[in-house]
Protein backbone atom coordinates (compact mmCIF):
# COMPACT_ATOMS: atom_id res chain seq x y z
CA UNK A 1 0.07 0.11 0.02
CA UNK A 2 1.54 3.42 -1.00
CA UNK A 3 1.37 6.05 1.63
CA UNK A 4 0.34 9.49 0.75
CA UNK A 5 3.03 12.25 0.86
CA UNK A 6 3.42 14.07 4.54
CA UNK A 7 2.15 17.16 3.06
CA UNK A 8 -1.20 15.52 2.63
CA UNK A 9 -1.33 14.76 6.52
CA UNK A 10 -1.36 18.34 7.68
CA UNK A 11 -5.03 18.77 8.32
CA UNK A 12 -5.89 15.22 9.38
CA UNK A 13 -5.82 15.73 13.10
CA UNK A 14 -8.88 16.03 15.26
CA UNK A 15 -9.16 18.92 17.89
CA UNK A 16 -8.27 16.31 20.57
CA UNK A 17 -5.15 15.24 18.58
CA UNK A 18 -4.23 18.80 18.05
CA UNK A 19 -4.43 19.39 21.85
CA UNK A 20 -2.49 16.25 22.57
CA UNK A 21 0.34 17.46 20.00
CA UNK A 22 0.68 21.10 21.36
CA UNK A 23 0.59 19.66 24.98
CA UNK A 24 3.60 17.24 24.01
CA UNK A 25 5.27 20.06 22.33
CA UNK A 26 4.90 22.29 25.47
CA UNK A 27 6.39 19.36 27.70
CA UNK A 28 9.33 18.82 25.25
CA UNK A 29 9.87 22.75 25.64
CA UNK A 30 9.58 22.86 29.29
CA UNK A 31 12.15 20.00 29.63
CA UNK A 32 14.62 21.70 27.23
CA UNK A 33 16.57 23.74 30.05
CA UNK A 34 16.84 20.57 32.40
CA UNK A 35 17.95 18.37 29.64
CA UNK A 36 20.43 20.96 28.35
CA UNK A 37 21.97 21.49 31.90
CA UNK A 38 22.24 17.54 32.43
CA UNK A 39 23.94 17.09 28.93
CA UNK A 40 26.46 19.91 29.54
CA UNK A 41 27.33 18.40 32.93
CA UNK A 42 27.91 14.94 31.63
CA UNK A 43 29.98 16.27 28.44
CA UNK A 44 32.03 18.47 30.94
CA UNK A 45 33.03 15.52 33.31
CA UNK A 46 36.04 13.37 32.66
CA UNK A 47 35.07 10.27 31.22
CA UNK A 48 34.94 6.97 33.23
CA UNK A 49 37.52 4.32 33.46
CA UNK A 50 37.00 0.62 32.67
CA UNK A 51 37.41 -0.06 36.52
CA UNK A 52 34.16 1.95 37.02
CA UNK A 53 32.23 -0.25 35.02
CA UNK A 54 32.71 -3.08 37.42
CA UNK A 55 30.18 -3.15 40.46
CA UNK A 56 32.03 -2.26 43.74
CA UNK A 57 30.61 -5.71 45.13
CA UNK A 58 32.09 -7.69 42.30
CA UNK A 59 34.85 -10.20 44.07
CA UNK A 60 37.44 -9.55 41.40
CA UNK A 61 36.92 -5.77 42.12
CA UNK A 62 37.11 -6.10 45.76
CA UNK A 63 40.30 -8.02 45.29
CA UNK A 64 41.68 -5.24 43.05
CA UNK A 65 40.72 -2.60 45.74
CA UNK A 66 42.38 -4.59 48.61
CA UNK A 67 45.47 -4.91 46.51
CA UNK A 68 45.51 -0.99 45.49
CA UNK A 69 44.87 -0.34 49.21
CA UNK A 70 48.05 -2.12 50.18
CA UNK A 71 50.54 -1.51 47.31
CA UNK A 72 48.72 1.49 45.48
CA UNK A 73 47.00 1.07 41.96
CA UNK A 74 48.67 1.02 38.64
CA UNK A 75 47.27 4.36 37.86
CA UNK A 76 50.61 6.21 37.17
CA UNK A 77 52.03 8.54 34.64
CA UNK A 78 55.62 8.48 33.73
CA UNK A 79 57.21 11.96 32.76
CA UNK A 80 60.60 12.72 31.24
CA UNK A 81 62.08 15.13 28.68
CA UNK A 82 65.43 15.84 27.20
CA UNK A 83 67.66 17.03 29.97
CA UNK A 84 65.75 15.46 32.66
CA UNK A 85 68.89 14.09 34.64
CA UNK A 86 69.70 13.16 38.08
CA UNK A 87 71.33 16.44 39.06
CA UNK A 88 68.76 18.65 36.98
CA UNK A 89 67.10 21.18 39.43
CA UNK A 90 63.87 21.22 37.28
CA UNK A 91 63.36 17.52 38.51
CA UNK A 92 63.39 18.46 42.29
CA UNK A 93 61.24 21.76 41.65
CA UNK A 94 58.52 19.72 39.78
CA UNK A 95 58.60 17.03 42.48
CA UNK A 96 58.12 19.88 45.13
CA UNK A 97 55.39 21.53 43.12
CA UNK A 98 53.59 18.10 42.71
CA UNK A 99 53.72 17.69 46.38
CA UNK A 100 53.61 20.94 48.02
CA UNK A 101 50.75 23.47 48.87
CA UNK A 102 50.27 24.29 45.35
CA UNK A 103 49.48 20.86 44.19
CA UNK A 104 46.37 20.28 42.19
CA UNK A 105 43.42 19.20 44.09
CA UNK A 106 39.69 18.37 43.28
CA UNK A 107 36.82 20.70 44.04
CA UNK A 108 36.71 18.94 47.55
CA UNK A 109 40.17 19.96 48.33
CA UNK A 110 41.76 16.42 47.99
CA UNK A 111 45.11 16.10 46.36
CA UNK A 112 45.01 14.49 42.94
CA UNK A 113 48.41 12.85 43.19
CA UNK A 114 48.68 9.79 45.80
CA UNK A 115 52.35 10.01 45.69
CA UNK A 116 55.33 11.22 43.26
CA UNK A 117 58.83 9.68 43.08
CA UNK A 118 61.93 10.40 41.01
CA UNK A 119 65.40 9.37 40.32
CA UNK A 120 67.15 11.83 42.72
CA UNK A 121 64.93 11.11 45.63
CA UNK A 122 65.29 7.32 45.19
CA UNK A 123 69.18 7.62 44.87
CA UNK A 124 69.12 9.74 48.07
CA UNK A 125 67.14 7.04 50.05
CA UNK A 126 69.70 4.39 48.84
CA UNK A 127 72.45 6.48 50.02
CA UNK A 128 71.00 7.41 53.35
CA UNK A 129 70.88 5.03 56.29
CA UNK A 130 70.27 2.13 56.92
CA UNK A 131 71.69 0.99 53.46
CA UNK A 132 74.32 3.80 53.23
CA UNK A 133 75.16 2.70 49.56
CA UNK A 134 77.62 4.79 47.65
CA UNK A 135 76.21 6.79 44.92
CA UNK A 136 77.35 4.72 41.90
CA UNK A 137 75.81 1.52 43.56
CA UNK A 138 72.61 3.17 44.17
CA UNK A 139 72.47 4.41 40.63
CA UNK A 140 73.22 1.04 39.27
CA UNK A 141 70.46 -0.26 41.15
CA UNK A 142 68.05 1.99 39.84
CA UNK A 143 69.29 1.30 36.26
CA UNK A 144 66.06 0.55 33.94
CA UNK A 145 63.71 1.45 36.65
CA UNK A 146 64.12 5.03 37.36
CA UNK A 147 67.49 5.99 35.69
CA UNK A 148 68.27 5.28 32.07
CA UNK A 149 70.96 3.31 30.58
CA UNK A 150 73.23 6.36 30.50
CA UNK A 151 73.19 6.41 34.14
CA UNK A 152 71.93 10.16 34.40
CA UNK A 153 68.60 10.29 32.57
CA UNK A 154 65.75 9.91 34.89
CA UNK A 155 61.98 10.41 35.05
CA UNK A 156 59.15 11.22 37.70
CA UNK A 157 56.28 8.87 38.43
CA UNK A 158 53.18 10.43 39.46
CA UNK A 159 50.50 8.06 41.14
CA UNK A 160 47.17 9.26 40.87
CA UNK A 161 44.70 8.89 43.70
CA UNK A 162 41.06 7.94 43.18
CA UNK A 163 40.11 11.73 42.76
CA UNK A 164 42.88 12.21 40.57
CA UNK A 165 41.59 9.49 38.17
CA UNK A 166 38.23 11.30 38.24
CA UNK A 167 39.89 14.47 37.12
CA UNK A 168 42.67 12.95 35.11
CA UNK A 169 42.65 15.44 32.12
CA UNK A 170 42.96 18.27 34.57
CA UNK A 171 45.58 16.47 36.48
CA UNK A 172 47.68 15.58 33.24
CA UNK A 173 47.08 19.21 31.96
CA UNK A 174 48.58 20.44 35.31
CA UNK A 175 51.71 18.03 34.79
CA UNK A 176 52.24 19.50 31.24
CA UNK A 177 51.95 23.07 31.91
CA UNK A 178 54.01 23.04 34.96
CA UNK A 179 56.73 20.71 33.78
CA UNK A 180 57.24 22.67 30.56
CA UNK A 181 57.31 25.94 32.58
CA UNK A 182 59.74 24.70 35.05
CA UNK A 183 62.00 23.04 32.51
CA UNK A 184 61.57 25.80 29.98
CA UNK A 185 60.48 23.47 27.28
CA UNK A 186 57.31 23.29 24.93
CA UNK A 187 54.69 21.04 25.87
CA UNK A 188 55.36 18.88 22.92
CA UNK A 189 59.01 18.21 24.23
CA UNK A 190 57.68 16.30 27.07
CA UNK A 191 57.57 12.43 27.04
CA UNK A 192 54.52 11.04 28.91
CA UNK A 193 53.75 7.42 29.22
CA UNK A 194 51.86 5.06 31.36
CA UNK A 195 48.07 3.89 31.77
CA UNK A 196 47.01 7.37 32.81
CA UNK A 197 48.61 9.02 29.63
CA UNK A 198 47.06 6.31 27.50
CA UNK A 199 43.79 6.76 29.02
CA UNK A 200 43.81 10.49 28.75
CA UNK A 201 44.85 10.22 24.95
CA UNK A 202 41.83 8.02 24.51
CA UNK A 203 39.50 10.37 26.24
CA UNK A 204 40.74 13.27 24.11
CA UNK A 205 40.38 11.38 20.95
CA UNK A 206 36.98 10.13 21.88
CA UNK A 207 35.66 13.57 22.76
CA UNK A 208 37.44 15.15 19.85
CA UNK A 209 35.64 12.62 17.53
CA UNK A 210 32.35 13.60 18.82
CA UNK A 211 32.94 17.29 18.82
CA UNK A 212 34.35 16.94 15.15
CA UNK A 213 31.66 14.55 13.66
CA UNK A 214 28.45 15.26 15.50
CA UNK A 215 27.35 18.46 13.56
CA UNK A 216 28.25 16.80 10.22
CA UNK A 217 26.36 13.51 11.15
CA UNK A 218 23.46 15.45 12.29
CA UNK A 219 23.31 17.33 8.93
CA UNK A 220 23.54 14.31 6.98
CA UNK A 221 20.74 12.81 9.04
CA UNK A 222 18.39 15.59 8.44
CA UNK A 223 19.26 15.66 4.79
CA UNK A 224 18.29 11.88 4.62
CA UNK A 225 14.98 12.60 6.47
CA UNK A 226 14.20 15.29 4.09
CA UNK A 227 14.81 13.18 1.23
CA UNK A 228 12.97 10.19 2.63
CA UNK A 229 9.85 12.25 3.52
CA UNK A 230 9.84 14.87 0.90
CA UNK A 231 8.79 17.61 3.51
CA UNK A 232 11.17 19.92 5.10
CA UNK A 233 8.67 20.70 7.90
CA UNK A 234 8.13 17.02 9.10
CA UNK A 235 11.98 16.66 8.57
CA UNK A 236 12.61 19.53 10.94
CA UNK A 237 9.92 18.33 13.48
CA UNK A 238 11.38 14.79 13.51
CA UNK A 239 15.05 15.99 13.80
CA UNK A 240 13.83 18.33 16.80
CA UNK A 241 12.15 15.25 18.50
CA UNK A 242 15.31 12.97 17.98
CA UNK A 243 17.63 15.81 19.18
CA UNK A 244 15.40 15.86 22.43
CA UNK A 245 15.97 12.03 22.72
CA UNK A 246 19.59 12.60 22.43
CA UNK A 247 19.41 15.06 25.37
CA UNK A 248 17.09 12.77 27.34
CA UNK A 249 19.86 10.09 27.05
CA UNK A 250 22.40 12.59 28.68
CA UNK A 251 19.82 13.33 31.24
CA UNK A 252 19.49 9.42 32.03
CA UNK A 253 23.26 9.06 32.14
CA UNK A 254 23.21 12.23 34.51
CA UNK A 255 20.61 10.92 36.80
CA UNK A 256 22.24 7.65 37.19
CA UNK A 257 25.33 9.32 38.49
CA UNK A 258 27.45 8.15 35.46
CA UNK A 259 29.70 9.89 33.04
CA UNK A 260 30.65 9.55 29.42
CA UNK A 261 33.18 6.90 28.35
CA UNK A 262 34.87 5.64 25.16
CA UNK A 263 32.09 3.17 24.71
CA UNK A 264 29.08 5.69 25.33
CA UNK A 265 30.84 8.39 23.12
CA UNK A 266 28.80 6.69 20.17
CA UNK A 267 25.62 7.01 21.91
CA UNK A 268 24.36 10.62 20.99
CA UNK A 269 24.54 9.82 17.25
CA UNK A 270 23.29 6.50 17.51
CA UNK A 271 20.23 7.83 19.36
CA UNK A 272 19.63 10.56 16.84
CA UNK A 273 19.77 8.09 14.11
CA UNK A 274 17.48 5.88 15.77
CA UNK A 275 15.17 8.16 16.74
CA UNK A 276 14.76 9.86 13.07
CA UNK A 277 14.45 6.27 11.80
CA UNK A 278 11.62 5.58 14.27
CA UNK A 279 9.94 8.68 13.36
CA UNK A 280 10.13 8.32 9.38
CA UNK A 281 8.62 4.86 9.87
CA UNK A 282 5.83 6.71 12.33
CA UNK A 283 5.02 9.23 9.47
CA UNK A 284 4.73 6.32 6.83
CA UNK A 285 2.40 4.43 9.22
CA UNK A 286 0.23 7.55 9.65
CA UNK A 287 0.02 7.85 5.85
CA UNK A 288 -1.08 4.09 5.64
CA UNK A 289 -3.85 4.49 8.39
CA UNK A 290 -5.18 7.57 6.34
CA UNK A 291 -5.36 5.48 3.22
CA UNK A 292 -6.81 2.70 4.93
CA UNK A 293 -9.58 4.50 6.96
CA UNK A 294 -9.85 8.14 6.05
CA UNK A 295 -9.10 11.12 8.21
CA UNK A 296 -11.35 10.50 11.22
CA UNK A 297 -9.10 9.04 14.05
CA UNK A 298 -6.16 8.56 11.74
CA UNK A 299 -3.71 9.77 14.32
CA UNK A 300 -5.08 7.04 16.76
CA UNK A 301 -4.84 4.30 14.16
CA UNK A 302 -1.26 5.36 12.95
CA UNK A 303 0.09 5.00 16.46
CA UNK A 304 -1.61 1.61 16.91
CA UNK A 305 0.02 0.47 13.69
CA UNK A 306 3.38 2.05 14.52
CA UNK A 307 4.09 1.39 18.20
CA UNK A 308 5.52 -2.15 17.93
CA UNK A 309 7.96 -1.87 15.06
CA UNK A 310 8.91 1.82 16.14
CA UNK A 311 9.36 0.50 19.62
CA UNK A 312 11.52 -2.36 18.57
């Protein structure tokens, strides 16, 4: 059965249907500010880590938490740069900055770093009592760990606290900015490694993809809807509703206390496409209901035809 074009559906609603439509649009508009605020709060927060996806009462998660409490977690960032040597003043200055009163903290005032170690302090610990090793022996013992093969190159290892992992992009940004300032180097000259650096790189790439591709994807979706329906008005209405659904998905995420992650980053575009797809189907079912039974009660009949396939 061939459905009529959407333009022929413009005057098919009863006064009751018109009232329901106006009320629905009013509810959507009233929820707009709340949804927008929730979306901005979710997108502004750092993404979750895979560890956050595991329930706290999971046995393996509990084992990990006990291990991390006893030995610290593996959430570390290793930093070095050309000229990062055992006798370089910039190394100890950065250590003091990361552990002093001006060290970065979360909004609650808790430090982001659980601890910071570097080659010079490790050598000093081995030279001091009770071991009292001579300096060359101490350096040899740290070779391949905190000292490079040349016997002079070293690094700093930043251990991030739980609060630091929740704000890891800010923590890494602080390290980059402070280290480049103290060592008088461009940020690109710094060498960062470790799980935290990898996670931040994934976060930045994920959010960068969302920011760069969301608008083109939305425009393509709107264009396809227009081509499928042949009506700009219906296409804009459908696109607005699908966009509202995207905002609602952000609101659901915020209400559950969760944040974006590298998996959920595909959610906005996916929800937009699914919303537009279901709405196009709904419009076509409305047209089929009009052909089958005329204008009277067409909206209710169209919904009865469409609810199951659109819901699926």
